[in-house]
């Protein structure tokens, strides 16, 4: 090469390298699968709601929410609220029951109940308690925060099998949930709930009369506290002791009588006064009323 000839110049190919198309398909497939999994997880999760209780004794993470006997949610967290005066429960509602996360839905903790003739909430006696759920017939707008009830709410007639009546008493005495309603000493119903009235002047008692005995309850029917043992003493007649069935002595009972001239049949949700004791004249009433089989 002579001195006048220019030196050879190296030519560099500056064209960008293209990513191999072999990598594109796996990346797209992975993103697609990830999107499907995310959508599936989202579809399998329901709304999260917060429920405030005054006392959540026995309630644990993993406890169920139950409506009409089926699981409609699960408790995710139980902790003190910020004000330290209440308990905040966070629960996930199942997707198939997301309509429960609506204004008017009621929540309360189910606690065990044991009586001589029945055991209720046995699962809560041996294991974790659960939260019962009851929506309104016509739920309101969607909400995420609720005030839990300290005791079961008053039952609507459509939620029970039988005739629901409401009794007003000066005090609960020995009556409790599960106490019998007696007619001529025979059990025809039971007490399903008690609460202090909103103005604290009396006690409200909910009782259900079995369907076949419902015709016995009339507008002029009388109810009284048939709990415990009655003791009477007279100078000439001596000491007399009256006691009802063993269950009424231990758990209390409500007596019921209908006049010989019976009134119209009581409607669902009828309200009556609960007398503290029976009037002897009531025991002489003998109405002829056909009852169901």
C-alpha atoms as a PDB file:
ATOM      1  CA  UNK A   1       0.000   0.000   0.000  1.00  0.00           C
ATOM      2  CA  UNK A   2       1.508   3.360  -1.111  1.00  0.00           C
ATOM      3  CA  UNK A   3       1.778   6.385   1.050  1.00  0.00           C
ATOM      4  CA  UNK A   4      -0.905   8.222  -0.978  1.00  0.00           C
ATOM      5  CA  UNK A   5      -3.509   5.475  -0.656  1.00  0.00           C
ATOM      6  CA  UNK A   6      -5.968   6.015   2.171  1.00  0.00           C
ATOM      7  CA  UNK A   7      -5.985   3.589   5.036  1.00  0.00           C
ATOM      8  CA  UNK A   8      -8.875   1.153   5.004  1.00  0.00           C
ATOM      9  CA  UNK A   9     -11.754   2.110   7.315  1.00  0.00           C
ATOM     10  CA  UNK A  10     -13.632  -0.564   9.280  1.00  0.00           C
ATOM     11  CA  UNK A  11     -17.355  -0.422   8.694  1.00  0.00           C
ATOM     12  CA  UNK A  12     -19.446  -1.132  11.837  1.00  0.00           C
ATOM     13  CA  UNK A  13     -22.997  -2.368  11.388  1.00  0.00           C
ATOM     14  CA  UNK A  14     -25.064  -0.195  13.765  1.00  0.00           C
ATOM     15  CA  UNK A  15     -28.453  -1.815  13.017  1.00  0.00           C
ATOM     16  CA  UNK A  16     -30.214  -2.743  16.306  1.00  0.00           C
ATOM     17  CA  UNK A  17     -30.563  -6.400  16.974  1.00  0.00           C
ATOM     18  CA  UNK A  18     -34.157  -7.614  16.935  1.00  0.00           C
ATOM     19  CA  UNK A  19     -35.432  -9.666  19.827  1.00  0.00           C
ATOM     20  CA  UNK A  20     -36.006 -13.175  18.784  1.00  0.00           C
ATOM     21  CA  UNK A  21     -39.685 -13.890  18.191  1.00  0.00           C
ATOM     22  CA  UNK A  22     -39.187 -17.100  20.131  1.00  0.00           C
ATOM     23  CA  UNK A  23     -39.357 -15.085  23.395  1.00  0.00           C
ATOM     24  CA  UNK A  24     -42.518 -13.141  22.597  1.00  0.00           C
ATOM     25  CA  UNK A  25     -44.982 -16.044  22.704  1.00  0.00           C
ATOM     26  CA  UNK A  26     -44.006 -17.289  26.217  1.00  0.00           C
ATOM     27  CA  UNK A  27     -44.155 -13.745  27.658  1.00  0.00           C
ATOM     28  CA  UNK A  28     -47.635 -13.144  26.233  1.00  0.00           C
ATOM     29  CA  UNK A  29     -48.828 -16.547  27.444  1.00  0.00           C
ATOM     30  CA  UNK A  30     -47.465 -15.910  30.940  1.00  0.00           C
ATOM     31  CA  UNK A  31     -49.173 -12.516  31.116  1.00  0.00           C
ATOM     32  CA  UNK A  32     -52.438 -14.065  29.916  1.00  0.00           C
ATOM     33  CA  UNK A  33     -52.319 -16.830  32.518  1.00  0.00           C
ATOM     34  CA  UNK A  34     -51.457 -14.324  35.243  1.00  0.00           C
ATOM     35  CA  UNK A  35     -54.427 -12.176  34.250  1.00  0.00           C
ATOM     36  CA  UNK A  36     -56.755 -15.168  34.351  1.00  0.00           C
ATOM     37  CA  UNK A  37     -55.508 -16.193  37.795  1.00  0.00           C
ATOM     38  CA  UNK A  38     -55.966 -12.665  39.113  1.00  0.00           C
ATOM     39  CA  UNK A  39     -59.511 -12.486  37.746  1.00  0.00           C
ATOM     40  CA  UNK A  40     -60.316 -15.891  39.243  1.00  0.00           C
ATOM     41  CA  UNK A  41     -59.011 -14.870  42.675  1.00  0.00           C
ATOM     42  CA  UNK A  42     -61.016 -11.653  42.505  1.00  0.00           C
ATOM     43  CA  UNK A  43     -64.136 -13.584  41.498  1.00  0.00           C
ATOM     44  CA  UNK A  44     -63.720 -16.005  44.412  1.00  0.00           C
ATOM     45  CA  UNK A  45     -63.465 -13.199  46.982  1.00  0.00           C
ATOM     46  CA  UNK A  46     -66.440 -11.323  48.321  1.00  0.00           C
ATOM     47  CA  UNK A  47     -66.711  -7.909  49.979  1.00  0.00           C
ATOM     48  CA  UNK A  48     -64.926  -7.196  53.269  1.00  0.00           C
ATOM     49  CA  UNK A  49     -67.149  -5.740  55.997  1.00  0.00           C
ATOM     50  CA  UNK A  50     -66.395  -4.346  59.461  1.00  0.00           C
ATOM     51  CA  UNK A  51     -68.689  -5.196  62.394  1.00  0.00           C
ATOM     52  CA  UNK A  52     -68.399  -3.496  65.783  1.00  0.00           C
ATOM     53  CA  UNK A  53     -69.358  -5.423  68.946  1.00  0.00           C
ATOM     54  CA  UNK A  54     -69.325  -4.387  72.593  1.00  0.00           C
ATOM     55  CA  UNK A  55     -68.066  -7.864  73.502  1.00  0.00           C
ATOM     56  CA  UNK A  56     -66.702 -10.581  71.219  1.00  0.00           C
ATOM     57  CA  UNK A  57     -65.846 -13.196  73.844  1.00  0.00           C
ATOM     58  CA  UNK A  58     -65.035 -16.536  72.253  1.00  0.00           C
ATOM     59  CA  UNK A  59     -65.031 -15.240  68.686  1.00  0.00           C
ATOM     60  CA  UNK A  60     -61.901 -16.183  66.743  1.00  0.00           C
ATOM     61  CA  UNK A  61     -60.384 -15.639  63.326  1.00  0.00           C
ATOM     62  CA  UNK A  62     -61.822 -18.283  61.009  1.00  0.00           C
ATOM     63  CA  UNK A  63     -65.262 -18.285  62.651  1.00  0.00           C
ATOM     64  CA  UNK A  64     -68.156 -18.591  60.215  1.00  0.00           C
ATOM     65  CA  UNK A  65     -70.943 -16.201  59.325  1.00  0.00           C
ATOM     66  CA  UNK A  66     -74.205 -18.167  59.084  1.00  0.00           C
ATOM     67  CA  UNK A  67     -77.496 -17.288  57.390  1.00  0.00           C
ATOM     68  CA  UNK A  68     -80.344 -19.793  57.019  1.00  0.00           C
ATOM     69  CA  UNK A  69     -78.034 -22.552  58.189  1.00  0.00           C
ATOM     70  CA  UNK A  70     -75.358 -22.087  55.520  1.00  0.00           C
ATOM     71  CA  UNK A  71     -71.940 -20.459  55.584  1.00  0.00           C
ATOM     72  CA  UNK A  72     -72.020 -17.001  54.016  1.00  0.00           C
ATOM     73  CA  UNK A  73     -68.703 -15.612  55.177  1.00  0.00           C
ATOM     74  CA  UNK A  74     -65.684 -15.954  57.445  1.00  0.00           C
ATOM     75  CA  UNK A  75     -64.055 -13.808  60.134  1.00  0.00           C
ATOM     76  CA  UNK A  76     -60.696 -12.464  58.964  1.00  0.00           C
ATOM     77  CA  UNK A  77     -59.626 -10.366  61.949  1.00  0.00           C
ATOM     78  CA  UNK A  78     -60.705  -9.594  65.519  1.00  0.00           C
ATOM     79  CA  UNK A  79     -59.144  -6.599  67.292  1.00  0.00           C
ATOM     80  CA  UNK A  80     -59.882  -3.650  69.539  1.00  0.00           C
ATOM     81  CA  UNK A  81     -61.278  -0.613  67.806  1.00  0.00           C
ATOM     82  CA  UNK A  82     -59.299   2.632  67.904  1.00  0.00           C
ATOM     83  CA  UNK A  83     -61.347   3.959  70.817  1.00  0.00           C
ATOM     84  CA  UNK A  84     -60.476   0.812  72.877  1.00  0.00           C
ATOM     85  CA  UNK A  85     -64.107   0.602  74.025  1.00  0.00           C
ATOM     86  CA  UNK A  86     -65.369  -1.883  71.438  1.00  0.00           C
ATOM     87  CA  UNK A  87     -64.243  -4.812  69.310  1.00  0.00           C
ATOM     88  CA  UNK A  88     -63.839  -4.542  65.552  1.00  0.00           C
ATOM     89  CA  UNK A  89     -64.457  -7.700  63.540  1.00  0.00           C
ATOM     90  CA  UNK A  90     -63.482  -7.812  59.890  1.00  0.00           C
ATOM     91  CA  UNK A  91     -65.230 -10.483  57.853  1.00  0.00           C
ATOM     92  CA  UNK A  92     -65.283 -11.529  54.224  1.00  0.00           C
ATOM     93  CA  UNK A  93     -68.720 -12.150  52.756  1.00  0.00           C
ATOM     94  CA  UNK A  94     -68.903 -15.059  50.291  1.00  0.00           C
ATOM     95  CA  UNK A  95     -69.413 -14.008  46.651  1.00  0.00           C
ATOM     96  CA  UNK A  96     -72.752 -15.833  46.433  1.00  0.00           C
ATOM     97  CA  UNK A  97     -74.004 -13.816  49.434  1.00  0.00           C
ATOM     98  CA  UNK A  98     -72.537 -10.394  48.671  1.00  0.00           C
ATOM     99  CA  UNK A  99     -76.055  -8.948  48.871  1.00  0.00           C
ATOM    100  CA  UNK A 100     -75.766  -9.272  52.672  1.00  0.00           C
ATOM    101  CA  UNK A 101     -73.333  -6.346  52.691  1.00  0.00           C
ATOM    102  CA  UNK A 102     -76.273  -3.946  52.606  1.00  0.00           C
ATOM    103  CA  UNK A 103     -77.872  -1.393  54.863  1.00  0.00           C
ATOM    104  CA  UNK A 104     -80.165  -3.020  57.422  1.00  0.00           C
ATOM    105  CA  UNK A 105     -78.379  -6.374  57.687  1.00  0.00           C
ATOM    106  CA  UNK A 106     -78.074  -7.517  61.313  1.00  0.00           C
ATOM    107  CA  UNK A 107     -75.154  -9.409  62.868  1.00  0.00           C
ATOM    108  CA  UNK A 108     -74.933 -11.011  66.311  1.00  0.00           C
ATOM    109  CA  UNK A 109     -72.702 -13.594  68.000  1.00  0.00           C
ATOM    110  CA  UNK A 110     -74.392 -16.928  68.716  1.00  0.00           C
ATOM    111  CA  UNK A 111     -73.758 -18.238  72.207  1.00  0.00           C
ATOM    112  CA  UNK A 112     -74.497 -21.733  73.589  1.00  0.00           C
ATOM    113  CA  UNK A 113     -77.846 -22.484  75.203  1.00  0.00           C
ATOM    114  CA  UNK A 114     -78.533 -25.586  77.288  1.00  0.00           C
ATOM    115  CA  UNK A 115     -81.875 -26.643  78.798  1.00  0.00           C
ATOM    116  CA  UNK A 116     -83.387 -29.854  80.105  1.00  0.00           C
ATOM    117  CA  UNK A 117     -85.151 -30.678  76.861  1.00  0.00           C
ATOM    118  CA  UNK A 118     -82.889 -29.229  74.212  1.00  0.00           C
ATOM    119  CA  UNK A 119     -79.411 -28.024  73.479  1.00  0.00           C
ATOM    120  CA  UNK A 120     -78.933 -25.080  71.143  1.00  0.00           C
ATOM    121  CA  UNK A 121     -75.641 -23.857  69.732  1.00  0.00           C
ATOM    122  CA  UNK A 122     -73.777 -26.972  70.864  1.00  0.00           C
ATOM    123  CA  UNK A 123     -71.070 -26.229  68.301  1.00  0.00           C
ATOM    124  CA  UNK A 124     -70.434 -22.928  70.067  1.00  0.00           C
ATOM    125  CA  UNK A 125     -70.174 -24.774  73.396  1.00  0.00           C
ATOM    126  CA  UNK A 126     -67.449 -27.110  72.180  1.00  0.00           C
ATOM    127  CA  UNK A 127     -65.793 -24.898  69.572  1.00  0.00           C
ATOM    128  CA  UNK A 128     -65.591 -21.331  68.267  1.00  0.00           C
ATOM    129  CA  UNK A 129     -68.678 -19.205  68.256  1.00  0.00           C
ATOM    130  CA  UNK A 130     -70.105 -17.911  65.008  1.00  0.00           C
ATOM    131  CA  UNK A 131     -71.887 -14.815  63.778  1.00  0.00           C
ATOM    132  CA  UNK A 132     -75.516 -15.097  62.731  1.00  0.00           C
ATOM    133  CA  UNK A 133     -76.661 -12.865  59.875  1.00  0.00           C
ATOM    134  CA  UNK A 134     -80.137 -11.610  59.024  1.00  0.00           C
ATOM    135  CA  UNK A 135     -80.838  -9.208  56.129  1.00  0.00           C
ATOM    136  CA  UNK A 136     -83.876  -7.034  55.697  1.00  0.00           C
ATOM    137  CA  UNK A 137     -86.639  -8.245  53.385  1.00  0.00           C
ATOM    138  CA  UNK A 138     -85.729  -5.325  51.113  1.00  0.00           C
ATOM    139  CA  UNK A 139     -82.012  -4.610  51.679  1.00  0.00           C
ATOM    140  CA  UNK A 140     -80.818  -1.025  51.384  1.00  0.00           C
ATOM    141  CA  UNK A 141     -77.761   0.399  49.700  1.00  0.00           C
ATOM    142  CA  UNK A 142     -74.392  -1.342  49.868  1.00  0.00           C
ATOM    143  CA  UNK A 143     -72.400  -0.548  53.019  1.00  0.00           C
ATOM    144  CA  UNK A 144     -69.220  -1.910  54.565  1.00  0.00           C
ATOM    145  CA  UNK A 145     -69.538  -1.030  58.253  1.00  0.00           C
ATOM    146  CA  UNK A 146     -72.123  -2.393  60.709  1.00  0.00           C
ATOM    147  CA  UNK A 147     -73.011  -2.214  64.398  1.00  0.00           C
ATOM    148  CA  UNK A 148     -73.279  -5.740  65.781  1.00  0.00           C
ATOM    149  CA  UNK A 149     -76.123  -6.642  68.166  1.00  0.00           C
ATOM    150  CA  UNK A 150     -75.473  -7.775  71.729  1.00  0.00           C
ATOM    151  CA  UNK A 151     -78.367 -10.277  71.524  1.00  0.00           C
ATOM    152  CA  UNK A 152     -80.588 -11.807  68.848  1.00  0.00           C
ATOM    153  CA  UNK A 153     -83.077  -9.319  67.369  1.00  0.00           C
ATOM    154  CA  UNK A 154     -86.844  -9.631  67.555  1.00  0.00           C
ATOM    155  CA  UNK A 155     -87.967 -12.295  65.131  1.00  0.00           C
ATOM    156  CA  UNK A 156     -90.216 -11.395  62.194  1.00  0.00           C
ATOM    157  CA  UNK A 157     -93.208 -13.721  61.774  1.00  0.00           C
ATOM    158  CA  UNK A 158     -91.987 -14.940  58.373  1.00  0.00           C
ATOM    159  CA  UNK A 159     -88.801 -16.246  59.988  1.00  0.00           C
ATOM    160  CA  UNK A 160     -90.518 -18.705  62.335  1.00  0.00           C
ATOM    161  CA  UNK A 161     -92.581 -21.853  62.062  1.00  0.00           C
ATOM    162  CA  UNK A 162     -95.578 -21.181  64.259  1.00  0.00           C
ATOM    163  CA  UNK A 163     -97.382 -18.192  65.759  1.00  0.00           C
ATOM    164  CA  UNK A 164     -95.071 -15.479  67.079  1.00  0.00           C
ATOM    165  CA  UNK A 165     -96.353 -13.426  70.035  1.00  0.00           C
ATOM    166  CA  UNK A 166     -94.700 -10.656  72.035  1.00  0.00           C
ATOM    167  CA  UNK A 167     -95.139 -10.489  75.805  1.00  0.00           C
ATOM    168  CA  UNK A 168     -94.428  -7.514  78.073  1.00  0.00           C
ATOM    169  CA  UNK A 169     -93.366  -8.250  81.661  1.00  0.00           C
ATOM    170  CA  UNK A 170     -92.269  -6.184  84.655  1.00  0.00           C
ATOM    171  CA  UNK A 171     -89.199  -8.420  84.937  1.00  0.00           C
ATOM    172  CA  UNK A 172     -87.780 -11.538  83.324  1.00  0.00           C
ATOM    173  CA  UNK A 173     -87.932 -13.402  86.643  1.00  0.00           C
ATOM    174  CA  UNK A 174     -86.801 -16.980  85.941  1.00  0.00           C
ATOM    175  CA  UNK A 175     -87.867 -16.930  82.283  1.00  0.00           C
ATOM    176  CA  UNK A 176     -85.096 -17.408  79.740  1.00  0.00           C
ATOM    177  CA  UNK A 177     -84.616 -18.425  76.139  1.00  0.00           C
ATOM    178  CA  UNK A 178     -85.957 -21.973  75.806  1.00  0.00           C
ATOM    179  CA  UNK A 179     -88.532 -21.647  78.601  1.00  0.00           C
ATOM    180  CA  UNK A 180     -91.761 -23.491  77.830  1.00  0.00           C
ATOM    181  CA  UNK A 181     -95.147 -21.947  77.072  1.00  0.00           C
ATOM    182  CA  UNK A 182     -97.727 -24.137  78.838  1.00  0.00           C
ATOM    183  CA  UNK A 183    -101.448 -24.653  78.283  1.00  0.00           C
ATOM    184  CA  UNK A 184    -103.110 -26.822  80.951  1.00  0.00           C
ATOM    185  CA  UNK A 185     -99.621 -27.925  81.936  1.00  0.00           C
ATOM    186  CA  UNK A 186     -98.813 -29.104  78.387  1.00  0.00           C
ATOM    187  CA  UNK A 187     -95.979 -27.570  76.415  1.00  0.00           C
ATOM    188  CA  UNK A 188     -97.350 -25.791  73.328  1.00  0.00           C
ATOM    189  CA  UNK A 189     -94.527 -23.395  72.547  1.00  0.00           C
ATOM    190  CA  UNK A 190     -91.301 -21.860  73.736  1.00  0.00           C
ATOM    191  CA  UNK A 191     -89.616 -18.557  74.504  1.00  0.00           C
ATOM    192  CA  UNK A 192     -87.133 -17.610  71.799  1.00  0.00           C
ATOM    193  CA  UNK A 193     -85.866 -14.245  72.957  1.00  0.00           C
ATOM    194  CA  UNK A 194     -85.800 -11.655  75.725  1.00  0.00           C
ATOM    195  CA  UNK A 195     -84.657  -8.051  75.790  1.00  0.00           C
ATOM    196  CA  UNK A 196     -85.011  -4.906  77.835  1.00  0.00           C
ATOM    197  CA  UNK A 197     -87.470  -2.493  76.232  1.00  0.00           C
ATOM    198  CA  UNK A 198     -86.045   0.553  74.523  1.00  0.00           C
ATOM    199  CA  UNK A 199     -87.280   2.818  77.324  1.00  0.00           C
ATOM    200  CA  UNK A 200     -86.157   0.318  80.022  1.00  0.00           C
ATOM    201  CA  UNK A 201     -89.659   0.210  81.562  1.00  0.00           C
ATOM    202  CA  UNK A 202     -90.285  -3.496  80.979  1.00  0.00           C
ATOM    203  CA  UNK A 203     -88.935  -6.699  79.502  1.00  0.00           C
ATOM    204  CA  UNK A 204     -90.001  -7.844  76.038  1.00  0.00           C
ATOM    205  CA  UNK A 205     -90.357 -11.591  75.548  1.00  0.00           C
ATOM    206  CA  UNK A 206     -90.752 -13.325  72.188  1.00  0.00           C
ATOM    207  CA  UNK A 207     -92.553 -16.672  72.183  1.00  0.00           C
ATOM    208  CA  UNK A 208     -93.485 -19.080  69.409  1.00  0.00           C
ATOM    209  CA  UNK A 209     -96.608 -21.211  69.641  1.00  0.00           C
ATOM    210  CA  UNK A 210     -96.434 -24.451  67.654  1.00  0.00           C
ATOM    211  CA  UNK A 211     -98.593 -24.333  64.479  1.00  0.00           C
ATOM    212  CA  UNK A 212    -101.143 -26.928  65.626  1.00  0.00           C
ATOM    213  CA  UNK A 213    -101.719 -25.060  68.909  1.00  0.00           C
ATOM    214  CA  UNK A 214    -101.937 -21.596  67.346  1.00  0.00           C
ATOM    215  CA  UNK A 215    -105.805 -21.594  67.415  1.00  0.00           C
ATOM    216  CA  UNK A 216    -105.634 -21.566  71.230  1.00  0.00           C
ATOM    217  CA  UNK A 217    -104.248 -18.029  71.237  1.00  0.00           C
ATOM    218  CA  UNK A 218    -107.052 -15.464  71.068  1.00  0.00           C
ATOM    219  CA  UNK A 219    -107.235 -11.715  71.481  1.00  0.00           C
ATOM    220  CA  UNK A 220    -108.469 -12.182  75.075  1.00  0.00           C
ATOM    221  CA  UNK A 221    -105.932 -14.893  76.007  1.00  0.00           C
ATOM    222  CA  UNK A 222    -104.030 -14.329  79.238  1.00  0.00           C
ATOM    223  CA  UNK A 223    -100.367 -15.106  79.880  1.00  0.00           C
ATOM    224  CA  UNK A 224     -98.602 -15.299  83.245  1.00  0.00           C
ATOM    225  CA  UNK A 225     -95.237 -16.157  84.752  1.00  0.00           C
ATOM    226  CA  UNK A 226     -95.466 -19.840  85.670  1.00  0.00           C
ATOM    227  CA  UNK A 227     -91.897 -20.126  86.926  1.00  0.00           C
ATOM    228  CA  UNK A 228     -90.614 -21.609  90.153  1.00  0.00           C
ATOM    229  CA  UNK A 229     -92.448 -22.800  93.234  1.00  0.00           C
ATOM    230  CA  UNK A 230     -95.383 -21.060  94.862  1.00  0.00           C
ATOM    231  CA  UNK A 231     -95.817 -21.186  98.633  1.00  0.00           C
ATOM    232  CA  UNK A 232     -99.058 -20.201 100.398  1.00  0.00           C
ATOM    233  CA  UNK A 233     -99.840 -20.321 104.121  1.00  0.00           C
ATOM    234  CA  UNK A 234    -103.177 -19.929 105.861  1.00  0.00           C
ATOM    235  CA  UNK A 235    -103.979 -20.117 109.543  1.00  0.00           C
ATOM    236  CA  UNK A 236    -106.662 -22.754 109.052  1.00  0.00           C
ATOM    237  CA  UNK A 237    -105.591 -24.412 105.828  1.00  0.00           C
ATOM    238  CA  UNK A 238    -101.927 -24.747 106.695  1.00  0.00           C
ATOM    239  CA  UNK A 239     -98.979 -24.614 104.306  1.00  0.00           C
ATOM    240  CA  UNK A 240     -99.457 -25.379 100.615  1.00  0.00           C
ATOM    241  CA  UNK A 241     -96.772 -25.616  97.970  1.00  0.00           C
ATOM    242  CA  UNK A 242     -97.488 -25.483  94.238  1.00  0.00           C
ATOM    243  CA  UNK A 243     -94.844 -26.382  91.691  1.00  0.00           C
ATOM    244  CA  UNK A 244     -94.961 -26.856  87.975  1.00  0.00           C
ATOM    245  CA  UNK A 245     -92.976 -29.326  85.881  1.00  0.00           C
ATOM    246  CA  UNK A 246     -89.296 -29.682  86.776  1.00  0.00           C
ATOM    247  CA  UNK A 247     -88.231 -27.729  83.700  1.00  0.00           C
ATOM    248  CA  UNK A 248     -90.455 -24.784  84.685  1.00  0.00           C
ATOM    249  CA  UNK A 249     -88.909 -24.800  88.161  1.00  0.00           C
ATOM    250  CA  UNK A 250     -85.348 -24.767  86.861  1.00  0.00           C
ATOM    251  CA  UNK A 251     -85.698 -22.719  83.692  1.00  0.00           C
ATOM    252  CA  UNK A 252     -88.957 -20.860  84.110  1.00  0.00           C
ATOM    253  CA  UNK A 253     -92.145 -21.108  82.086  1.00  0.00           C
ATOM    254  CA  UNK A 254     -95.020 -19.044  80.728  1.00  0.00           C
ATOM    255  CA  UNK A 255     -98.588 -20.128  81.457  1.00  0.00           C
ATOM    256  CA  UNK A 256    -101.439 -19.436  79.057  1.00  0.00           C
ATOM    257  CA  UNK A 257    -105.238 -19.623  79.294  1.00  0.00           C
ATOM    258  CA  UNK A 258    -108.099 -18.577  77.009  1.00  0.00           C
ATOM    259  CA  UNK A 259    -111.575 -17.599  78.298  1.00  0.00           C
ATOM    260  CA  UNK A 260    -114.515 -19.932  77.806  1.00  0.00           C
ATOM    261  CA  UNK A 261    -115.947 -17.292  75.506  1.00  0.00           C
ATOM    262  CA  UNK A 262    -112.923 -17.082  73.273  1.00  0.00           C
ATOM    263  CA  UNK A 263    -112.254 -13.970  71.239  1.00  0.00           C
ATOM    264  CA  UNK A 264    -110.974 -13.666  67.695  1.00  0.00           C
ATOM    265  CA  UNK A 265    -107.808 -15.539  66.796  1.00  0.00           C
ATOM    266  CA  UNK A 266    -104.645 -13.611  67.573  1.00  0.00           C
ATOM    267  CA  UNK A 267    -102.690 -12.395  64.591  1.00  0.00           C
ATOM    268  CA  UNK A 268     -98.966 -12.934  64.061  1.00  0.00           C
ATOM    269  CA  UNK A 269     -96.973 -10.506  66.165  1.00  0.00           C
ATOM    270  CA  UNK A 270     -99.795  -9.898  68.659  1.00  0.00           C
ATOM    271  CA  UNK A 271     -98.738  -8.313  71.945  1.00  0.00           C
ATOM    272  CA  UNK A 272     -99.871  -9.323  75.447  1.00  0.00           C
ATOM    273  CA  UNK A 273     -99.121  -8.385  79.035  1.00  0.00           C
ATOM    274  CA  UNK A 274     -97.431 -11.093  81.102  1.00  0.00           C
ATOM    275  CA  UNK A 275     -99.003 -11.205  84.557  1.00  0.00           C
ATOM    276  CA  UNK A 276     -96.641 -11.947  87.474  1.00  0.00           C
ATOM    277  CA  UNK A 277     -98.944 -14.744  88.675  1.00  0.00           C
ATOM    278  CA  UNK A 278    -102.021 -16.646  87.610  1.00  0.00           C
ATOM    279  CA  UNK A 279    -105.529 -15.544  88.540  1.00  0.00           C
ATOM    280  CA  UNK A 280    -107.349 -18.624  89.823  1.00  0.00           C
ATOM    281  CA  UNK A 281    -110.394 -17.776  87.700  1.00  0.00           C
ATOM    282  CA  UNK A 282    -108.275 -18.276  84.582  1.00  0.00           C
ATOM    283  CA  UNK A 283    -107.739 -21.912  85.527  1.00  0.00           C
ATOM    284  CA  UNK A 284    -111.506 -22.516  85.373  1.00  0.00           C
ATOM    285  CA  UNK A 285    -111.840 -21.391  81.749  1.00  0.00           C
ATOM    286  CA  UNK A 286    -112.855 -24.206  79.385  1.00  0.00           C
ATOM    287  CA  UNK A 287    -113.052 -23.003  75.786  1.00  0.00           C
ATOM    288  CA  UNK A 288    -113.849 -25.570  73.118  1.00  0.00           C
ATOM    289  CA  UNK A 289    -111.274 -24.918  70.418  1.00  0.00           C
ATOM    290  CA  UNK A 290    -110.361 -27.322  67.669  1.00  0.00           C
ATOM    291  CA  UNK A 291    -106.590 -27.671  67.330  1.00  0.00           C
ATOM    292  CA  UNK A 292    -104.561 -29.101  64.484  1.00  0.00           C
ATOM    293  CA  UNK A 293    -103.358 -32.657  64.288  1.00  0.00           C
END
